[in-house]
Amino acid sequence: MLLIALLAGLMIGCGAAAAPTVTPSPTSPSTPAPTLPPTPSPRPTSGPVNVTSAAQAAALVFASDERWGRMMALRPDMVGQSSWYEVVADGTGFTVSITVGQGDCQAGCIERHTWQYHVDTHGSVVLVGETGDDIGMQPPVGGDGPAQITVDLTAGPTCPVEQNPPDPNCDDRPVKNAEVKLFDANGTLVATETSDDDGRVVFQVPSGAYYLEPQPAEGLMGTPEAQAVSVLGGDQSGLLFGYDTGIR
């Protein structure tokens, strides 16, 4: 027994001698600890949206997909337009179609693709289908600074009889002193501006999806329908709203 106790004591002594002694490194108060990069705050989520117009439904679609960073309604007067949206109301909201083509689509697209979305009255956006050529659609890239949205308000006809060739004196006239309201996709009023003597309103806005509502103008019939538009930094986008003079 005495021999076993002596052997155990020798083993413990050897193990203790083999264990290294760790001395904490001194820290200098003048050397700060490394700083981790900040963590982005979670993007706030909004509640249900009350969708009140076809234009707002289109703006919500634009906001749902960065590929639609530059989108506007079809303008028959614009040469070379190759992308546009269309909206129709249905029983539970709106069907929004987005068409993108290659080439001058007013004369005939070389290739074309159409996406169809459904937007319900609470702002839920669902892609329900797409058809056409594979055009390899990629998100557009914006520049620096705000975007500019220029709105032109016109009224016509100005002559009771259409003439051929057209009479320059019968061209649509500008609508001055008419208000235009600018909303974001959620329906929040962003700005209100009044048209100048040339019937023009200009908005400077950050990148995003918007819709614009022209207001009733004195002496003119009805009010043009609202339109949606999406813009990126540095963009210059133009919208046209036509009032009816009632002249026939």
Protein backbone atom coordinates (compact mmCIF):
# COMPACT_ATOMS: atom_id res chain seq x y z
CA MET A 1 0.00 0.00 0.00
CA LEU A 2 2.84 2.32 0.89
CA LEU A 3 4.42 1.67 -2.57
CA ILE A 4 1.16 2.49 -4.36
CA ALA A 5 0.79 5.76 -2.41
CA LEU A 6 4.35 6.80 -3.30
CA LEU A 7 3.76 6.07 -7.03
CA ALA A 8 0.52 8.11 -7.01
CA GLY A 9 2.29 11.06 -5.41
CA LEU A 10 5.02 10.99 -8.05
CA MET A 11 2.43 10.99 -10.91
CA ILE A 12 0.54 13.96 -9.45
CA GLY A 13 3.79 15.87 -8.98
CA CYS A 14 4.85 15.26 -12.59
CA GLY A 15 1.44 16.36 -13.93
CA ALA A 16 1.54 19.58 -11.94
CA ALA A 17 5.03 20.35 -13.15
CA ALA A 18 4.00 19.83 -16.82
CA ALA A 19 1.08 22.27 -16.65
CA PRO A 20 2.14 25.68 -18.10
CA THR A 21 1.63 28.84 -16.16
CA VAL A 22 -0.50 31.40 -18.10
CA THR A 23 0.11 35.04 -17.32
CA PRO A 24 -2.62 37.46 -18.53
CA SER A 25 -1.32 39.97 -21.09
CA PRO A 26 -1.47 43.53 -19.86
CA THR A 27 -4.04 45.74 -21.61
CA SER A 28 -3.33 49.33 -22.49
CA PRO A 29 -6.13 51.79 -21.76
CA SER A 30 -5.06 53.84 -24.81
CA THR A 31 -5.88 51.00 -27.28
CA PRO A 32 -9.66 50.79 -27.88
CA ALA A 33 -11.40 47.49 -28.49
CA PRO A 34 -12.33 46.71 -32.09
CA THR A 35 -15.71 48.15 -33.17
CA LEU A 36 -18.11 45.91 -35.07
CA PRO A 37 -19.89 47.38 -38.09
CA PRO A 38 -23.38 48.67 -37.25
CA THR A 39 -26.32 46.36 -37.88
CA PRO A 40 -28.97 47.94 -40.10
CA SER A 41 -32.27 48.54 -38.39
CA PRO A 42 -35.12 46.34 -39.59
CA ARG A 43 -37.21 47.99 -42.29
CA PRO A 44 -40.50 49.13 -40.76
CA THR A 45 -43.59 47.36 -41.97
CA SER A 46 -46.84 49.13 -42.63
CA GLY A 47 -50.32 47.88 -41.98
CA PRO A 48 -53.02 47.22 -44.56
CA VAL A 49 -53.33 49.86 -47.27
CA ASN A 50 -56.65 51.18 -48.49
CA VAL A 51 -56.28 51.05 -52.28
CA THR A 52 -58.56 53.70 -53.75
CA SER A 53 -57.53 53.88 -57.41
CA ALA A 54 -56.05 51.97 -60.31
CA ALA A 55 -53.02 54.30 -60.21
CA GLN A 56 -52.33 53.46 -56.59
CA ALA A 57 -52.56 49.73 -57.41
CA ALA A 58 -49.93 50.23 -60.12
CA ALA A 59 -47.68 52.16 -57.73
CA LEU A 60 -47.88 49.30 -55.21
CA VAL A 61 -46.77 46.87 -57.93
CA PHE A 62 -43.83 49.14 -58.80
CA ALA A 63 -42.83 49.27 -55.14
CA SER A 64 -42.97 45.47 -54.83
CA ASP A 65 -40.23 44.73 -57.40
CA GLU A 66 -37.08 46.74 -58.09
CA ARG A 67 -37.27 45.78 -61.76
CA TRP A 68 -40.04 48.35 -62.10
CA GLY A 69 -37.81 51.21 -60.94
CA ARG A 70 -38.67 53.13 -64.13
CA MET A 71 -42.27 52.67 -65.19
CA MET A 72 -45.14 54.86 -66.38
CA ALA A 73 -48.43 54.68 -68.25
CA LEU A 74 -48.57 54.21 -72.01
CA ARG A 75 -48.27 57.58 -73.78
CA PRO A 76 -49.48 57.54 -77.39
CA ASP A 77 -47.64 60.82 -78.04
CA MET A 78 -44.26 59.41 -76.94
CA VAL A 79 -41.95 58.08 -79.65
CA GLY A 80 -39.92 55.01 -78.74
CA GLN A 81 -41.68 54.03 -75.52
CA SER A 82 -40.84 50.38 -74.82
CA SER A 83 -42.30 49.82 -71.33
CA TRP A 84 -45.64 50.71 -69.75
CA TYR A 85 -48.39 49.60 -67.41
CA GLU A 86 -52.13 49.11 -67.76
CA VAL A 87 -54.76 48.57 -65.05
CA VAL A 88 -58.32 47.24 -65.03
CA ALA A 89 -60.62 46.92 -62.02
CA ASP A 90 -61.93 43.46 -61.13
CA GLY A 91 -64.27 42.09 -58.48
CA THR A 92 -61.69 42.04 -55.67
CA GLY A 93 -59.31 44.84 -56.61
CA PHE A 94 -57.22 45.54 -59.69
CA THR A 95 -55.32 43.63 -62.36
CA VAL A 96 -52.08 45.41 -63.24
CA SER A 97 -50.22 44.45 -66.42
CA ILE A 98 -46.63 45.51 -67.03
CA THR A 99 -45.22 45.19 -70.54
CA VAL A 100 -41.56 45.53 -71.44
CA GLY A 101 -40.30 45.20 -75.00
CA GLN A 102 -37.14 45.54 -77.01
CA GLY A 103 -37.15 48.24 -79.67
CA ASP A 104 -39.71 50.93 -80.49
CA CYS A 105 -42.90 49.25 -79.33
CA GLN A 106 -45.08 51.99 -80.79
CA ALA A 107 -43.90 50.82 -84.20
CA GLY A 108 -43.53 47.15 -83.19
CA CYS A 109 -41.53 45.36 -80.50
CA ILE A 110 -38.74 43.00 -81.49
CA GLU A 111 -39.38 41.07 -78.28
CA ARG A 112 -42.02 41.56 -75.61
CA HIS A 113 -42.85 40.22 -72.15
CA THR A 114 -45.91 40.92 -69.99
CA TRP A 115 -46.35 40.37 -66.24
CA GLN A 116 -49.79 40.29 -64.64
CA TYR A 117 -50.35 41.17 -60.98
CA HIS A 118 -53.41 41.22 -58.78
CA VAL A 119 -53.72 43.95 -56.15
CA ASP A 120 -56.56 43.65 -53.65
CA THR A 121 -58.22 46.56 -51.89
CA HIS A 122 -55.94 46.10 -48.85
CA GLY A 123 -52.75 46.45 -50.88
CA SER A 124 -51.69 42.82 -51.21
CA VAL A 125 -49.67 42.34 -54.44
CA VAL A 126 -49.52 38.90 -56.10
CA LEU A 127 -47.88 37.94 -59.40
CA VAL A 128 -50.50 35.77 -61.11
CA GLY A 129 -48.79 35.07 -64.43
CA GLU A 130 -46.46 36.18 -67.20
CA THR A 131 -46.18 35.57 -70.93
CA GLY A 132 -43.91 36.42 -73.82
CA ASP A 133 -40.26 36.33 -74.81
CA ASP A 134 -37.41 35.86 -72.34
CA ILE A 135 -35.91 39.35 -72.40
CA GLY A 136 -33.62 38.93 -69.38
CA MET A 137 -35.18 41.78 -67.42
CA GLN A 138 -32.75 43.30 -64.91
CA PRO A 139 -33.37 46.08 -62.33
CA PRO A 140 -32.42 49.52 -63.67
CA VAL A 141 -29.69 51.54 -61.98
CA GLY A 142 -30.28 55.10 -60.90
CA GLY A 143 -27.96 58.05 -60.52
CA ASP A 144 -27.31 60.65 -57.84
CA GLY A 145 -29.70 63.24 -56.48
CA PRO A 146 -33.47 63.47 -56.59
CA ALA A 147 -35.69 62.57 -59.51
CA GLN A 148 -37.80 65.13 -61.35
CA ILE A 149 -41.40 64.46 -62.34
CA THR A 150 -42.76 67.02 -64.81
CA VAL A 151 -46.53 67.15 -65.30
CA ASP A 152 -48.18 68.91 -68.25
CA LEU A 153 -51.88 69.78 -68.03
CA THR A 154 -53.74 70.48 -71.28
CA ALA A 155 -57.37 71.05 -72.30
CA GLY A 156 -59.07 70.25 -75.57
CA PRO A 157 -60.66 70.36 -78.02
CA THR A 158 -60.39 74.10 -78.54
CA CYS A 159 -62.27 74.22 -81.88
CA PRO A 160 -65.73 72.76 -82.58
CA VAL A 161 -64.65 71.02 -85.79
CA GLU A 162 -61.50 68.96 -86.33
CA GLN A 163 -59.65 70.14 -89.41
CA ASN A 164 -57.33 68.31 -91.76
CA PRO A 165 -54.58 69.38 -91.95
CA PRO A 166 -54.78 70.37 -88.28
CA ASP A 167 -55.09 74.07 -87.53
CA PRO A 168 -52.35 75.17 -85.08
CA ASN A 169 -54.87 77.58 -83.58
CA CYS A 170 -56.91 74.56 -82.49
CA ASP A 171 -54.14 72.89 -80.49
CA ASP A 172 -54.90 71.90 -76.91
CA ARG A 173 -54.29 74.77 -74.51
CA PRO A 174 -52.37 74.65 -71.23
CA VAL A 175 -54.36 74.52 -68.00
CA LYS A 176 -53.01 76.98 -65.43
CA ASN A 177 -53.80 77.33 -61.73
CA ALA A 178 -54.83 73.68 -61.42
CA GLU A 179 -53.66 71.61 -58.46
CA VAL A 180 -51.89 68.26 -58.74
CA LYS A 181 -51.44 66.02 -55.70
CA LEU A 182 -48.54 63.58 -55.39
CA PHE A 183 -48.94 60.44 -53.24
CA ASP A 184 -46.61 57.60 -52.35
CA ALA A 185 -47.70 54.01 -52.99
CA ASN A 186 -49.24 53.70 -49.50
CA GLY A 187 -51.56 56.62 -50.20
CA THR A 188 -49.70 59.22 -48.11
CA LEU A 189 -49.85 62.74 -49.56
CA VAL A 190 -46.29 63.81 -50.40
CA ALA A 191 -46.82 67.20 -52.06
CA THR A 192 -49.36 69.49 -53.74
CA GLU A 193 -48.36 71.89 -56.51
CA THR A 194 -50.24 74.33 -58.77
CA SER A 195 -49.67 74.54 -62.52
CA ASP A 196 -48.00 77.63 -63.96
CA ASP A 197 -49.04 79.66 -67.02
CA ASP A 198 -47.69 76.89 -69.26
CA GLY A 199 -49.85 74.30 -67.50
CA ARG A 200 -46.78 72.71 -65.96
CA VAL A 201 -46.05 71.30 -62.52
CA VAL A 202 -42.64 70.01 -61.40
CA PHE A 203 -41.96 67.73 -58.44
CA GLN A 204 -38.51 66.90 -57.03
CA VAL A 205 -38.72 63.54 -55.25
CA PRO A 206 -36.53 60.72 -53.90
CA SER A 207 -36.41 57.40 -55.73
CA GLY A 208 -39.67 55.51 -55.38
CA ALA A 209 -43.13 54.70 -56.66
CA TYR A 210 -45.79 57.41 -56.74
CA TYR A 211 -49.16 58.28 -58.19
CA LEU A 212 -50.44 61.71 -59.16
CA GLU A 213 -54.01 63.01 -59.01
CA PRO A 214 -54.93 66.18 -60.94
CA GLN A 215 -57.70 68.16 -59.26
CA PRO A 216 -60.80 69.70 -60.89
CA ALA A 217 -60.04 72.82 -62.93
CA GLU A 218 -62.40 75.75 -63.17
CA GLY A 219 -64.42 75.86 -66.40
CA LEU A 220 -63.41 72.37 -67.54
CA MET A 221 -65.42 69.17 -67.57
CA GLY A 222 -64.42 66.16 -65.52
CA THR A 223 -60.98 65.41 -64.15
CA PRO A 224 -58.23 63.29 -65.76
CA GLU A 225 -57.60 59.90 -64.19
CA ALA A 226 -54.67 59.53 -61.81
CA GLN A 227 -51.43 58.05 -63.13
CA ALA A 228 -48.64 56.09 -61.48
CA VAL A 229 -44.92 56.50 -62.06
CA SER A 230 -41.72 55.09 -60.59
CA VAL A 231 -38.40 56.93 -60.69
CA LEU A 232 -34.77 56.50 -59.68
CA GLY A 233 -32.20 59.07 -58.60
CA GLY A 234 -31.42 61.61 -61.31
CA ASP A 235 -34.36 60.58 -63.51
CA GLN A 236 -36.49 63.04 -65.47
CA SER A 237 -39.96 61.65 -66.08
CA GLY A 238 -42.88 63.37 -67.84
CA LEU A 239 -46.63 62.83 -67.44
CA LEU A 240 -49.46 64.29 -69.49
CA PHE A 241 -53.01 64.91 -68.21
CA GLY A 242 -55.78 66.05 -70.56
CA TYR A 243 -58.92 67.91 -69.46
CA ASP A 244 -62.11 68.10 -71.52
CA THR A 245 -63.29 71.57 -72.57
CA GLY A 246 -66.72 70.31 -73.58
CA ILE A 247 -66.43 71.95 -77.02
CA ARG A 248 -68.00 69.78 -79.73
